[in-house]
Amino acid sequence: MRHYEMMLILRDDLDEEAVAQQVERIQSTITDSSGQVIQTEHWGRRPFAYEINHRRSGYYIVLDFEAEAHAVDELERQLKINDDVVRFKTIRPEVRVHKPGDPRRRTPV
C-alpha cells in the first residue's frame, strides 16, 4: 500500500451533518478496498482566493491515508461525480508523519 494525502473542498452550503456524511462515505470507500485512514483534519469553512463554480467559500477537509492505486482511482471517480465536492487533489507526499497529529515530527521517506 502507498501513502496518500487528499485535500477536498465541499460546498459551503452543506450543514455539519452532511459534511460528516460525505467524510464517512469517503473513509468507507478507502477502508472497503483494504485501505487505512491515518488522519482526517477538518479545516472548516474558508473563503476562496477566487470564485470557483460561482462559489466564494467551501468546507476544507484533509485526509491522510494508505491505499492501493486502484482504490484511489475508484475514490477519485466517485468524487468527480459527486455534486457536493467542489474540488479535490490527491498527492503522494515525500515525507511521512510518524505520529498522527504531530506535524513537527517528519522525516524524509
Protein backbone atom coordinates (compact mmCIF):
# COMPACT_ATOMS: atom_id res chain seq x y z
CA MET A 1 0.00 0.00 0.00
CA ARG A 2 1.10 3.53 -0.69
CA HIS A 3 0.75 6.65 1.38
CA TYR A 4 -1.54 9.40 0.03
CA GLU A 5 -2.80 12.78 1.14
CA MET A 6 -6.01 14.25 -0.22
CA MET A 7 -7.44 17.71 0.20
CA LEU A 8 -11.02 18.20 -0.82
CA ILE A 9 -13.38 21.13 -0.77
CA LEU A 10 -17.09 20.60 -0.18
CA ARG A 11 -19.87 23.07 -0.94
CA ASP A 12 -20.19 25.79 1.68
CA ASP A 13 -23.98 25.46 1.95
CA LEU A 14 -23.78 21.95 3.47
CA ASP A 15 -24.57 21.61 7.16
CA GLU A 16 -22.27 19.82 9.63
CA GLU A 17 -24.24 16.57 9.38
CA ALA A 18 -23.99 16.49 5.58
CA VAL A 19 -20.24 17.18 5.76
CA ALA A 20 -19.82 14.34 8.26
CA GLN A 21 -21.77 12.00 5.95
CA GLN A 22 -19.57 12.91 3.00
CA VAL A 23 -16.39 12.31 5.03
CA GLU A 24 -17.75 8.98 6.29
CA ARG A 25 -18.58 7.93 2.73
CA ILE A 26 -15.04 8.76 1.58
CA GLN A 27 -13.46 6.95 4.52
CA SER A 28 -15.60 3.86 3.92
CA THR A 29 -14.54 3.81 0.26
CA ILE A 30 -10.92 3.71 1.41
CA THR A 31 -11.43 1.05 4.09
CA ASP A 32 -13.69 -1.13 1.90
CA SER A 33 -10.79 -1.57 -0.52
CA SER A 34 -8.35 -2.68 2.23
CA GLY A 35 -7.01 0.82 2.82
CA GLN A 36 -6.42 2.60 6.11
CA VAL A 37 -7.33 6.16 7.06
CA ILE A 38 -4.50 7.54 9.19
CA GLN A 39 -5.82 11.01 9.93
CA THR A 40 -8.70 13.29 8.99
CA GLU A 41 -8.48 17.05 9.53
CA HIS A 42 -11.48 19.37 9.26
CA TRP A 43 -10.29 22.86 8.41
CA GLY A 44 -13.79 24.31 8.35
CA ARG A 45 -15.25 26.92 6.03
CA ARG A 46 -12.71 29.14 4.32
CA PRO A 47 -13.00 31.77 1.61
CA PHE A 48 -11.53 31.08 -1.84
CA ALA A 49 -8.92 33.35 -3.39
CA TYR A 50 -11.16 33.43 -6.48
CA GLU A 51 -14.64 32.25 -7.36
CA ILE A 52 -14.97 28.52 -8.14
CA ASN A 53 -18.20 27.30 -9.77
CA HIS A 54 -19.98 30.51 -8.66
CA ARG A 55 -18.95 29.92 -5.03
CA ARG A 56 -16.84 32.14 -2.82
CA SER A 57 -16.08 29.68 0.01
CA GLY A 58 -16.01 25.98 0.81
CA TYR A 59 -15.54 23.44 3.56
CA TYR A 60 -11.96 22.09 3.55
CA ILE A 61 -11.03 18.55 4.59
CA VAL A 62 -7.60 16.86 4.53
CA LEU A 63 -7.30 13.06 4.56
CA ASP A 64 -4.07 11.19 5.22
CA PHE A 65 -4.40 7.53 4.22
CA GLU A 66 -2.77 4.40 2.84
CA ALA A 67 -4.35 2.50 -0.04
CA GLU A 68 -3.72 0.64 -3.27
CA ALA A 69 -3.68 2.57 -6.54
CA HIS A 70 -6.97 1.04 -7.74
CA ALA A 71 -8.70 2.24 -4.55
CA VAL A 72 -7.51 5.81 -5.17
CA ASP A 73 -8.75 5.61 -8.77
CA GLU A 74 -12.19 4.48 -7.57
CA LEU A 75 -12.29 7.19 -4.89
CA GLU A 76 -11.41 9.90 -7.41
CA ARG A 77 -14.06 8.56 -9.81
CA GLN A 78 -16.69 8.85 -7.07
CA LEU A 79 -15.57 12.36 -6.14
CA LYS A 80 -15.78 13.54 -9.77
CA ILE A 81 -19.47 12.63 -9.99
CA ASN A 82 -20.36 13.92 -6.51
CA ASP A 83 -22.11 17.31 -6.77
CA ASP A 84 -21.17 18.24 -3.18
CA VAL A 85 -17.44 18.18 -3.99
CA VAL A 86 -16.16 21.47 -5.41
CA ARG A 87 -12.51 20.39 -5.89
CA PHE A 88 -10.10 17.70 -4.74
CA LYS A 89 -6.42 16.88 -5.11
CA THR A 90 -4.62 13.64 -4.24
CA ILE A 91 -0.84 13.51 -3.81
CA ARG A 92 1.80 11.06 -2.68
CA PRO A 93 3.82 13.12 -0.19
CA GLU A 94 7.60 12.88 0.00
CA VAL A 95 7.56 12.85 3.82
CA ARG A 96 5.60 10.72 6.24
CA VAL A 97 4.20 11.75 9.58
CA HIS A 98 5.39 9.35 12.29
CA LYS A 99 2.71 10.24 14.78
CA PRO A 100 -0.76 11.42 13.65
CA GLY A 101 -1.45 14.98 14.71
CA ASP A 102 2.18 15.99 15.22
CA PRO A 103 3.35 17.79 12.06
CA ARG A 104 6.73 18.65 13.59
CA ARG A 105 7.91 15.02 13.63
CA ARG A 106 8.55 14.42 9.92
CA THR A 107 11.34 12.56 8.19
CA PRO A 108 12.10 12.02 4.52
CA VAL A 109 10.88 8.78 3.00
